N, C-alpha and C. Protein backbone atom coordinates (compact mmCIF):
# COMPACT_ATOMS: atom_id res chain seq x y z
N MET A 1 9.86 24.30 -10.81
CA MET A 1 10.13 23.64 -12.06
C MET A 1 10.71 22.28 -11.78
N THR A 2 10.16 21.26 -12.42
CA THR A 2 10.68 19.87 -12.18
C THR A 2 11.74 19.54 -13.22
N ILE A 3 12.83 18.94 -12.77
CA ILE A 3 13.94 18.65 -13.71
C ILE A 3 14.08 17.16 -13.91
N GLY A 4 13.22 16.31 -13.35
CA GLY A 4 13.26 14.88 -13.60
C GLY A 4 13.09 14.10 -12.34
N CYS A 5 13.25 12.85 -12.52
CA CYS A 5 13.03 11.88 -11.43
C CYS A 5 14.34 11.54 -10.76
N GLU A 6 14.24 11.30 -9.42
CA GLU A 6 15.49 10.95 -8.74
C GLU A 6 15.97 9.55 -9.01
N LEU A 7 15.14 8.73 -9.75
CA LEU A 7 15.53 7.42 -10.16
C LEU A 7 16.32 7.44 -11.46
N GLY A 8 16.56 8.66 -12.00
CA GLY A 8 17.39 8.73 -13.18
C GLY A 8 16.63 8.54 -14.48
N ARG A 9 15.34 8.77 -14.53
CA ARG A 9 14.58 8.54 -15.71
C ARG A 9 14.29 9.81 -16.47
N GLY A 10 14.97 10.85 -16.13
CA GLY A 10 14.77 12.08 -16.86
C GLY A 10 13.43 12.70 -16.57
N ASN A 11 13.01 13.51 -17.58
CA ASN A 11 11.74 14.26 -17.39
C ASN A 11 10.48 13.37 -17.55
N ASP A 12 10.60 12.21 -18.23
CA ASP A 12 9.42 11.37 -18.35
C ASP A 12 9.38 10.35 -17.18
N CYS A 13 9.10 10.83 -16.04
CA CYS A 13 9.03 10.05 -14.81
C CYS A 13 7.62 9.39 -14.82
N ASN A 14 7.59 8.08 -15.15
CA ASN A 14 6.34 7.35 -15.19
C ASN A 14 6.41 6.11 -14.41
N HIS A 15 7.20 6.05 -13.39
CA HIS A 15 7.34 4.85 -12.59
C HIS A 15 6.18 4.69 -11.56
N GLY A 16 5.28 5.74 -11.48
CA GLY A 16 4.11 5.60 -10.66
C GLY A 16 4.33 5.99 -9.21
N ARG A 17 5.47 6.44 -8.87
CA ARG A 17 5.72 6.76 -7.43
C ARG A 17 5.56 8.25 -7.14
N GLY A 18 5.43 9.02 -8.16
CA GLY A 18 5.24 10.47 -7.96
C GLY A 18 6.36 11.25 -7.45
N HIS A 19 7.58 10.71 -7.61
CA HIS A 19 8.75 11.41 -7.08
C HIS A 19 9.43 12.23 -8.19
N GLY A 20 10.05 13.30 -7.84
CA GLY A 20 10.80 14.11 -8.79
C GLY A 20 11.70 15.08 -8.08
N ARG A 21 12.50 15.87 -8.88
CA ARG A 21 13.28 16.88 -8.24
C ARG A 21 12.79 18.25 -8.73
N GLU A 22 12.79 19.12 -7.79
CA GLU A 22 12.33 20.45 -8.09
C GLU A 22 13.46 21.42 -7.78
N ILE A 23 13.59 22.47 -8.56
CA ILE A 23 14.59 23.51 -8.38
C ILE A 23 14.08 24.42 -7.26
N GLY A 24 14.82 24.54 -6.20
CA GLY A 24 14.40 25.40 -5.09
C GLY A 24 14.79 26.85 -5.33
N ARG A 25 14.53 27.69 -4.36
CA ARG A 25 14.76 29.08 -4.46
C ARG A 25 16.27 29.42 -4.64
N ASN A 26 17.13 28.57 -4.07
CA ASN A 26 18.59 28.90 -4.21
C ASN A 26 19.19 28.15 -5.37
N GLY A 27 18.35 27.53 -6.25
CA GLY A 27 18.89 26.93 -7.46
C GLY A 27 19.35 25.48 -7.28
N THR A 28 19.19 24.89 -6.10
CA THR A 28 19.60 23.49 -5.89
C THR A 28 18.35 22.60 -5.98
N PRO A 29 18.58 21.36 -6.43
CA PRO A 29 17.44 20.40 -6.48
C PRO A 29 16.93 20.06 -5.10
N GLU A 30 15.60 19.99 -5.00
CA GLU A 30 14.91 19.58 -3.76
C GLU A 30 14.07 18.38 -4.09
N PHE A 31 14.22 17.35 -3.33
CA PHE A 31 13.40 16.11 -3.55
C PHE A 31 11.97 16.37 -2.98
N PHE A 32 11.01 15.88 -3.71
CA PHE A 32 9.65 15.96 -3.24
C PHE A 32 8.87 14.71 -3.67
N SER A 33 7.75 14.54 -3.12
CA SER A 33 6.86 13.46 -3.44
C SER A 33 5.44 13.96 -3.54
N HIS A 34 4.73 13.76 -4.60
CA HIS A 34 3.38 14.26 -4.74
C HIS A 34 2.46 13.57 -3.76
N ASP A 35 2.69 12.33 -3.51
CA ASP A 35 1.73 11.60 -2.64
C ASP A 35 2.30 11.45 -1.22
N LEU A 36 3.37 12.20 -0.84
CA LEU A 36 3.85 12.29 0.47
C LEU A 36 4.35 10.91 1.02
N MET A 37 4.71 9.98 0.17
CA MET A 37 5.26 8.70 0.65
C MET A 37 6.77 8.76 0.47
N THR A 38 7.46 8.27 1.50
CA THR A 38 8.93 8.22 1.38
C THR A 38 9.32 6.90 0.80
N MET A 39 10.55 6.85 0.40
CA MET A 39 11.07 5.59 -0.22
C MET A 39 11.22 4.46 0.76
N ASP A 40 11.37 4.76 2.07
CA ASP A 40 11.61 3.74 3.05
C ASP A 40 10.43 3.40 3.86
N THR A 41 9.22 3.90 3.52
CA THR A 41 8.00 3.61 4.31
C THR A 41 7.54 2.21 3.97
N THR A 42 7.29 1.44 5.01
CA THR A 42 6.75 0.10 4.82
C THR A 42 5.34 0.06 5.32
N VAL A 43 4.53 -0.84 4.74
CA VAL A 43 3.13 -0.98 5.09
C VAL A 43 2.95 -1.37 6.57
N PHE A 44 3.92 -2.08 7.13
CA PHE A 44 3.83 -2.60 8.47
C PHE A 44 3.98 -1.42 9.57
N ALA A 45 4.44 -0.26 9.07
CA ALA A 45 4.56 0.86 9.97
C ALA A 45 3.34 1.77 9.88
N GLU A 46 2.41 1.46 9.00
CA GLU A 46 1.21 2.27 8.79
C GLU A 46 0.13 1.99 9.84
N LEU A 47 -0.60 2.97 10.22
CA LEU A 47 -1.70 2.84 11.11
C LEU A 47 -2.78 1.93 10.52
N LYS A 48 -3.01 2.05 9.18
CA LYS A 48 -4.05 1.23 8.55
C LYS A 48 -3.75 -0.26 8.67
N PHE A 49 -2.46 -0.61 8.66
CA PHE A 49 -2.11 -2.07 8.84
C PHE A 49 -2.55 -2.55 10.22
N TRP A 50 -2.22 -1.72 11.23
CA TRP A 50 -2.58 -2.19 12.62
C TRP A 50 -4.09 -2.11 12.84
N LEU A 51 -4.80 -1.20 12.14
CA LEU A 51 -6.28 -1.21 12.19
C LEU A 51 -6.80 -2.46 11.54
N LEU A 52 -6.16 -2.89 10.46
CA LEU A 52 -6.54 -4.16 9.82
C LEU A 52 -6.36 -5.31 10.74
N VAL A 53 -5.23 -5.39 11.46
CA VAL A 53 -5.06 -6.45 12.46
C VAL A 53 -6.11 -6.40 13.52
N LEU A 54 -6.36 -5.19 14.03
CA LEU A 54 -7.37 -5.07 15.07
C LEU A 54 -8.76 -5.49 14.58
N PHE A 55 -9.16 -5.05 13.43
CA PHE A 55 -10.51 -5.37 12.92
C PHE A 55 -10.62 -6.77 12.32
N SER A 56 -9.48 -7.39 11.97
CA SER A 56 -9.52 -8.72 11.45
C SER A 56 -9.37 -9.83 12.45
N LEU A 57 -8.71 -9.51 13.49
CA LEU A 57 -8.46 -10.58 14.51
C LEU A 57 -8.99 -10.24 15.86
N VAL A 58 -8.65 -9.11 16.44
CA VAL A 58 -8.97 -8.84 17.82
C VAL A 58 -10.51 -8.63 18.04
N VAL A 59 -11.08 -7.69 17.32
CA VAL A 59 -12.50 -7.33 17.56
C VAL A 59 -13.41 -8.54 17.22
N PRO A 60 -13.32 -9.19 16.08
CA PRO A 60 -14.26 -10.34 15.77
C PRO A 60 -14.13 -11.46 16.82
N PHE A 61 -12.99 -11.77 17.22
CA PHE A 61 -12.83 -12.88 18.21
C PHE A 61 -13.29 -12.45 19.57
N ALA A 62 -13.21 -11.16 19.90
CA ALA A 62 -13.76 -10.66 21.10
C ALA A 62 -15.29 -10.77 21.08
N ILE A 63 -15.87 -10.46 19.96
CA ILE A 63 -17.34 -10.60 19.79
C ILE A 63 -17.73 -12.06 19.95
N TYR A 64 -16.97 -12.94 19.30
CA TYR A 64 -17.32 -14.42 19.41
C TYR A 64 -17.18 -14.85 20.88
N ALA A 65 -16.15 -14.39 21.58
CA ALA A 65 -15.96 -14.78 22.94
C ALA A 65 -17.15 -14.28 23.82
N VAL A 66 -17.59 -13.08 23.58
CA VAL A 66 -18.78 -12.55 24.33
C VAL A 66 -19.96 -13.37 24.01
N LEU A 67 -20.22 -13.69 22.75
CA LEU A 67 -21.42 -14.49 22.44
C LEU A 67 -21.36 -15.87 22.97
N LEU A 68 -20.18 -16.51 23.02
CA LEU A 68 -20.08 -17.88 23.55
C LEU A 68 -20.12 -17.93 25.08
N ARG A 69 -19.66 -16.85 25.71
CA ARG A 69 -19.57 -16.81 27.15
C ARG A 69 -20.94 -16.55 27.81
N LYS A 70 -21.75 -15.77 27.18
CA LYS A 70 -23.08 -15.42 27.75
C LYS A 70 -23.99 -16.65 27.76
N ARG A 71 -24.65 -16.82 28.86
CA ARG A 71 -25.68 -17.91 28.96
C ARG A 71 -27.00 -17.43 28.38
N THR A 72 -27.34 -16.18 28.60
CA THR A 72 -28.54 -15.63 28.04
C THR A 72 -28.18 -14.30 27.36
N ILE A 73 -28.79 -14.00 26.23
CA ILE A 73 -28.51 -12.77 25.55
C ILE A 73 -29.81 -12.42 24.78
N SER A 74 -30.03 -11.12 24.74
CA SER A 74 -31.24 -10.65 24.07
C SER A 74 -31.09 -10.70 22.56
N ARG A 75 -32.20 -10.70 21.86
CA ARG A 75 -32.15 -10.67 20.42
C ARG A 75 -31.57 -9.41 19.88
N ALA A 76 -31.81 -8.32 20.58
CA ALA A 76 -31.26 -7.04 20.14
C ALA A 76 -29.72 -7.04 20.21
N ALA A 77 -29.17 -7.65 21.24
CA ALA A 77 -27.70 -7.72 21.42
C ALA A 77 -27.10 -8.65 20.30
N VAL A 78 -27.77 -9.75 20.05
CA VAL A 78 -27.28 -10.65 18.98
C VAL A 78 -27.41 -9.91 17.61
N LEU A 79 -28.49 -9.21 17.37
CA LEU A 79 -28.57 -8.47 16.12
C LEU A 79 -27.46 -7.40 16.04
N CYS A 80 -27.14 -6.69 17.08
CA CYS A 80 -26.07 -5.73 17.08
C CYS A 80 -24.73 -6.41 16.76
N PHE A 81 -24.49 -7.56 17.41
CA PHE A 81 -23.23 -8.27 17.16
C PHE A 81 -23.15 -8.70 15.65
N GLY A 82 -24.27 -9.16 15.14
CA GLY A 82 -24.28 -9.61 13.69
C GLY A 82 -24.05 -8.42 12.79
N LEU A 83 -24.69 -7.28 13.06
CA LEU A 83 -24.43 -6.08 12.25
C LEU A 83 -23.02 -5.58 12.41
N ALA A 84 -22.47 -5.74 13.61
CA ALA A 84 -21.04 -5.31 13.84
C ALA A 84 -20.11 -6.19 13.02
N LEU A 85 -20.39 -7.50 12.92
CA LEU A 85 -19.57 -8.34 12.09
C LEU A 85 -19.64 -7.96 10.61
N VAL A 86 -20.79 -7.59 10.12
CA VAL A 86 -20.93 -7.14 8.73
C VAL A 86 -20.15 -5.84 8.54
N ALA A 87 -20.26 -4.98 9.52
CA ALA A 87 -19.49 -3.69 9.42
C ALA A 87 -17.99 -3.89 9.45
N ILE A 88 -17.57 -4.80 10.32
CA ILE A 88 -16.16 -5.17 10.37
C ILE A 88 -15.63 -5.75 9.04
N ALA A 89 -16.46 -6.50 8.37
CA ALA A 89 -16.10 -7.06 7.07
C ALA A 89 -15.89 -5.90 6.07
N GLY A 90 -16.80 -4.93 6.11
CA GLY A 90 -16.62 -3.79 5.19
C GLY A 90 -15.41 -2.96 5.51
N ILE A 91 -15.09 -2.79 6.79
CA ILE A 91 -13.92 -2.05 7.18
C ILE A 91 -12.67 -2.74 6.75
N ASP A 92 -12.69 -4.11 6.92
CA ASP A 92 -11.52 -4.92 6.50
C ASP A 92 -11.28 -4.78 5.01
N VAL A 93 -12.31 -4.84 4.19
CA VAL A 93 -12.12 -4.71 2.73
C VAL A 93 -11.58 -3.35 2.42
N TYR A 94 -12.09 -2.29 3.05
CA TYR A 94 -11.57 -0.95 2.78
C TYR A 94 -10.09 -0.86 3.15
N LEU A 95 -9.73 -1.36 4.36
CA LEU A 95 -8.32 -1.32 4.75
C LEU A 95 -7.39 -2.13 3.82
N LEU A 96 -7.88 -3.31 3.42
CA LEU A 96 -7.07 -4.13 2.55
C LEU A 96 -6.83 -3.45 1.18
N ARG A 97 -7.85 -2.80 0.63
CA ARG A 97 -7.71 -2.16 -0.67
C ARG A 97 -6.82 -0.89 -0.50
N SER A 98 -6.95 -0.21 0.65
CA SER A 98 -6.14 0.99 0.89
C SER A 98 -4.67 0.59 1.01
N LEU A 99 -4.40 -0.49 1.73
CA LEU A 99 -3.01 -0.95 1.92
C LEU A 99 -2.46 -1.47 0.56
N GLN A 100 -3.29 -2.09 -0.25
CA GLN A 100 -2.88 -2.57 -1.53
C GLN A 100 -2.45 -1.38 -2.39
N ALA A 101 -3.26 -0.30 -2.38
CA ALA A 101 -2.90 0.89 -3.11
C ALA A 101 -1.64 1.52 -2.62
N PHE A 102 -1.51 1.51 -1.27
CA PHE A 102 -0.30 2.13 -0.67
C PHE A 102 0.98 1.39 -1.10
N THR A 103 0.93 0.01 -1.08
CA THR A 103 2.15 -0.68 -1.49
C THR A 103 2.39 -0.66 -2.98
N ARG A 104 1.36 -0.44 -3.75
CA ARG A 104 1.53 -0.34 -5.15
C ARG A 104 2.28 0.92 -5.52
N HIS A 105 2.05 1.98 -4.77
CA HIS A 105 2.69 3.30 -5.11
C HIS A 105 3.88 3.56 -4.20
N SER A 106 4.26 2.63 -3.34
CA SER A 106 5.42 2.80 -2.47
C SER A 106 6.59 1.97 -3.02
N ALA A 107 7.75 2.49 -2.77
CA ALA A 107 8.94 1.79 -3.23
C ALA A 107 9.46 0.86 -2.17
N ALA A 108 8.78 0.74 -1.08
CA ALA A 108 9.25 -0.10 0.02
C ALA A 108 9.24 -1.58 -0.41
N THR A 109 10.16 -2.34 0.13
CA THR A 109 10.25 -3.74 -0.20
C THR A 109 9.99 -4.53 1.09
N GLY A 110 10.27 -5.82 0.99
CA GLY A 110 10.11 -6.67 2.17
C GLY A 110 8.79 -7.40 2.11
N GLY A 111 8.02 -7.38 3.22
CA GLY A 111 6.77 -8.06 3.30
C GLY A 111 5.62 -7.35 2.61
N ASP A 112 5.89 -6.17 2.08
CA ASP A 112 4.80 -5.38 1.43
C ASP A 112 4.24 -6.06 0.23
N GLY A 113 5.03 -6.90 -0.41
CA GLY A 113 4.61 -7.58 -1.64
C GLY A 113 3.38 -8.45 -1.45
N ILE A 114 3.14 -8.86 -0.21
CA ILE A 114 1.97 -9.73 0.03
C ILE A 114 0.68 -9.04 -0.37
N PHE A 115 0.63 -7.77 -0.31
CA PHE A 115 -0.58 -7.03 -0.62
C PHE A 115 -0.79 -6.86 -2.17
N ASN A 116 0.23 -7.11 -2.91
CA ASN A 116 0.17 -6.97 -4.34
C ASN A 116 0.38 -8.22 -5.12
N SER A 117 0.32 -9.33 -4.43
CA SER A 117 0.51 -10.63 -5.15
C SER A 117 -0.78 -11.43 -5.15
N GLU A 118 -0.71 -12.60 -5.69
CA GLU A 118 -1.85 -13.48 -5.68
C GLU A 118 -2.22 -13.86 -4.25
N ILE A 119 -1.26 -13.82 -3.36
CA ILE A 119 -1.50 -14.23 -1.97
C ILE A 119 -2.46 -13.25 -1.29
N SER A 120 -2.55 -12.04 -1.87
CA SER A 120 -3.43 -11.05 -1.26
C SER A 120 -4.92 -11.45 -1.27
N LEU A 121 -5.29 -12.34 -2.21
CA LEU A 121 -6.63 -12.91 -2.25
C LEU A 121 -6.95 -13.65 -0.98
N ALA A 122 -5.96 -14.32 -0.37
CA ALA A 122 -6.19 -15.07 0.85
C ALA A 122 -6.50 -14.12 2.05
N LEU A 123 -6.03 -12.91 1.90
CA LEU A 123 -6.33 -11.90 3.02
C LEU A 123 -7.79 -11.53 3.07
N TYR A 124 -8.50 -11.77 1.96
CA TYR A 124 -9.91 -11.48 1.93
C TYR A 124 -10.82 -12.57 2.55
N ILE A 125 -10.15 -13.63 3.05
CA ILE A 125 -10.94 -14.70 3.66
C ILE A 125 -11.60 -14.19 5.02
N PHE A 126 -10.82 -13.40 5.73
CA PHE A 126 -11.43 -12.91 7.01
C PHE A 126 -12.66 -12.06 6.74
N PRO A 127 -12.67 -11.06 5.86
CA PRO A 127 -13.84 -10.27 5.61
C PRO A 127 -15.03 -11.11 5.10
N ILE A 128 -14.70 -12.07 4.24
CA ILE A 128 -15.75 -12.95 3.73
C ILE A 128 -16.37 -13.77 4.84
N LEU A 129 -15.49 -14.33 5.69
CA LEU A 129 -15.99 -15.13 6.85
C LEU A 129 -16.80 -14.28 7.79
N PHE A 130 -16.31 -13.12 8.21
CA PHE A 130 -17.03 -12.29 9.20
C PHE A 130 -18.31 -11.74 8.59
N GLY A 131 -18.31 -11.33 7.34
CA GLY A 131 -19.51 -10.85 6.72
C GLY A 131 -20.57 -11.99 6.60
N GLY A 132 -20.10 -13.17 6.23
CA GLY A 132 -21.04 -14.31 6.09
C GLY A 132 -21.65 -14.70 7.46
N ILE A 133 -20.84 -14.70 8.48
CA ILE A 133 -21.34 -15.10 9.83
C ILE A 133 -22.30 -13.97 10.26
N GLY A 134 -21.92 -12.68 10.07
CA GLY A 134 -22.78 -11.57 10.48
C GLY A 134 -24.14 -11.64 9.79
N VAL A 135 -24.14 -11.88 8.50
CA VAL A 135 -25.39 -11.98 7.73
C VAL A 135 -26.23 -13.15 8.23
N ASN A 136 -25.55 -14.29 8.58
CA ASN A 136 -26.24 -15.45 9.06
C ASN A 136 -26.88 -15.10 10.44
N VAL A 137 -26.16 -14.43 11.28
CA VAL A 137 -26.72 -14.05 12.59
C VAL A 137 -27.92 -13.19 12.48
N VAL A 138 -27.79 -12.13 11.58
CA VAL A 138 -28.88 -11.22 11.39
C VAL A 138 -30.13 -11.94 10.78
N SER A 139 -29.88 -12.81 9.83
CA SER A 139 -30.98 -13.53 9.24
C SER A 139 -31.63 -14.44 10.26
N HIS A 140 -30.84 -15.07 11.13
CA HIS A 140 -31.42 -15.92 12.19
C HIS A 140 -32.35 -15.12 13.09
N ILE A 141 -31.93 -13.98 13.45
CA ILE A 141 -32.76 -13.11 14.36
C ILE A 141 -34.05 -12.69 13.59
N LEU A 142 -33.96 -12.36 12.36
CA LEU A 142 -35.11 -11.90 11.55
C LEU A 142 -36.06 -13.09 11.39
N ILE A 143 -35.53 -14.25 11.05
CA ILE A 143 -36.41 -15.43 10.85
C ILE A 143 -37.06 -15.85 12.15
N SER A 144 -36.33 -15.83 13.23
CA SER A 144 -36.98 -16.23 14.52
C SER A 144 -38.03 -15.22 14.91
N HIS A 145 -37.83 -13.93 14.64
CA HIS A 145 -38.85 -12.96 14.93
C HIS A 145 -40.11 -13.16 14.06
N LEU A 146 -39.87 -13.47 12.78
CA LEU A 146 -40.99 -13.67 11.85
C LEU A 146 -41.76 -14.94 12.26
N LEU A 147 -41.08 -15.97 12.66
CA LEU A 147 -41.74 -17.21 13.08
C LEU A 147 -42.58 -16.92 14.29
N ALA A 148 -42.06 -16.20 15.28
CA ALA A 148 -42.81 -15.89 16.50
C ALA A 148 -44.04 -15.04 16.16
N ALA A 149 -43.90 -14.08 15.26
CA ALA A 149 -45.01 -13.23 14.86
C ALA A 149 -46.09 -14.10 14.12
N GLU A 150 -45.66 -15.06 13.30
CA GLU A 150 -46.63 -15.93 12.64
C GLU A 150 -47.39 -16.76 13.63
N ARG A 151 -46.69 -17.37 14.60
CA ARG A 151 -47.35 -18.15 15.63
C ARG A 151 -48.37 -17.31 16.42
N LYS A 152 -47.96 -16.11 16.79
CA LYS A 152 -48.86 -15.19 17.52
C LYS A 152 -50.08 -14.89 16.69
N PHE A 153 -49.91 -14.61 15.39
CA PHE A 153 -51.04 -14.31 14.51
C PHE A 153 -51.98 -15.52 14.41
N ASP A 154 -51.38 -16.74 14.27
CA ASP A 154 -52.20 -17.95 14.15
C ASP A 154 -52.98 -18.17 15.46
N ARG A 155 -52.40 -17.93 16.61
CA ARG A 155 -53.11 -18.14 17.85
C ARG A 155 -54.23 -17.10 18.00
N GLU A 156 -54.01 -15.93 17.58
CA GLU A 156 -55.03 -14.86 17.77
C GLU A 156 -56.17 -15.04 16.73
N HIS A 157 -55.89 -15.42 15.50
CA HIS A 157 -56.92 -15.42 14.49
C HIS A 157 -57.48 -16.78 14.14
N HIS A 158 -56.69 -17.83 14.31
CA HIS A 158 -57.13 -19.13 13.96
C HIS A 158 -57.47 -20.00 15.22
N GLY A 159 -57.10 -19.50 16.37
CA GLY A 159 -57.33 -20.25 17.61
C GLY A 159 -58.84 -20.30 17.90
N ASP A 160 -59.55 -19.26 17.55
CA ASP A 160 -61.02 -19.24 17.80
C ASP A 160 -61.76 -20.28 16.90
N ARG A 161 -61.32 -20.42 15.61
CA ARG A 161 -61.93 -21.39 14.72
C ARG A 161 -61.75 -22.81 15.21
N ASP A 162 -60.57 -23.10 15.75
CA ASP A 162 -60.29 -24.49 16.18
C ASP A 162 -61.14 -24.81 17.39
N SER A 163 -61.45 -23.89 18.26
CA SER A 163 -62.26 -24.20 19.45
C SER A 163 -63.74 -24.34 19.11
N ASN A 164 -64.20 -23.80 18.00
CA ASN A 164 -65.57 -23.85 17.55
C ASN A 164 -65.87 -25.19 16.94
N MET A 165 -64.96 -25.92 16.51
CA MET A 165 -65.21 -27.20 15.78
C MET A 165 -65.47 -28.31 16.68
């Protein structure tokens, strides 16, 4: 049986945090949380935050370093790197939205507000950048493949006509 919110709002607990007091077996109130978040949890202690850092900074720049360091690289490898950048952009957007939802329902303060303010839009620059570069790399590979296929077709089918003239 719930007897109200620990924030003192009575039985109409609508602060969005899912916290309340429940009468235990021995008749004393027991604190609980429907969404299993504690009052002192911060977003910076979450695994999703560190995954965001990993997928927003470490992995993409490691990919760029590999691409810039190689003297020769196959089209298949470049295509895989381009698709990886697009996937990283999707993972970043998922993690950003997940962290935003976490901070919206958490009572933690401090730097968590960055995910729920207008500044949070700036955090989407990395996924936009990586997704754009990834799509550009993939389209470059596809266009160069199509151009080579066109040249091969022209040589095979139109090369005979030119020699007959």
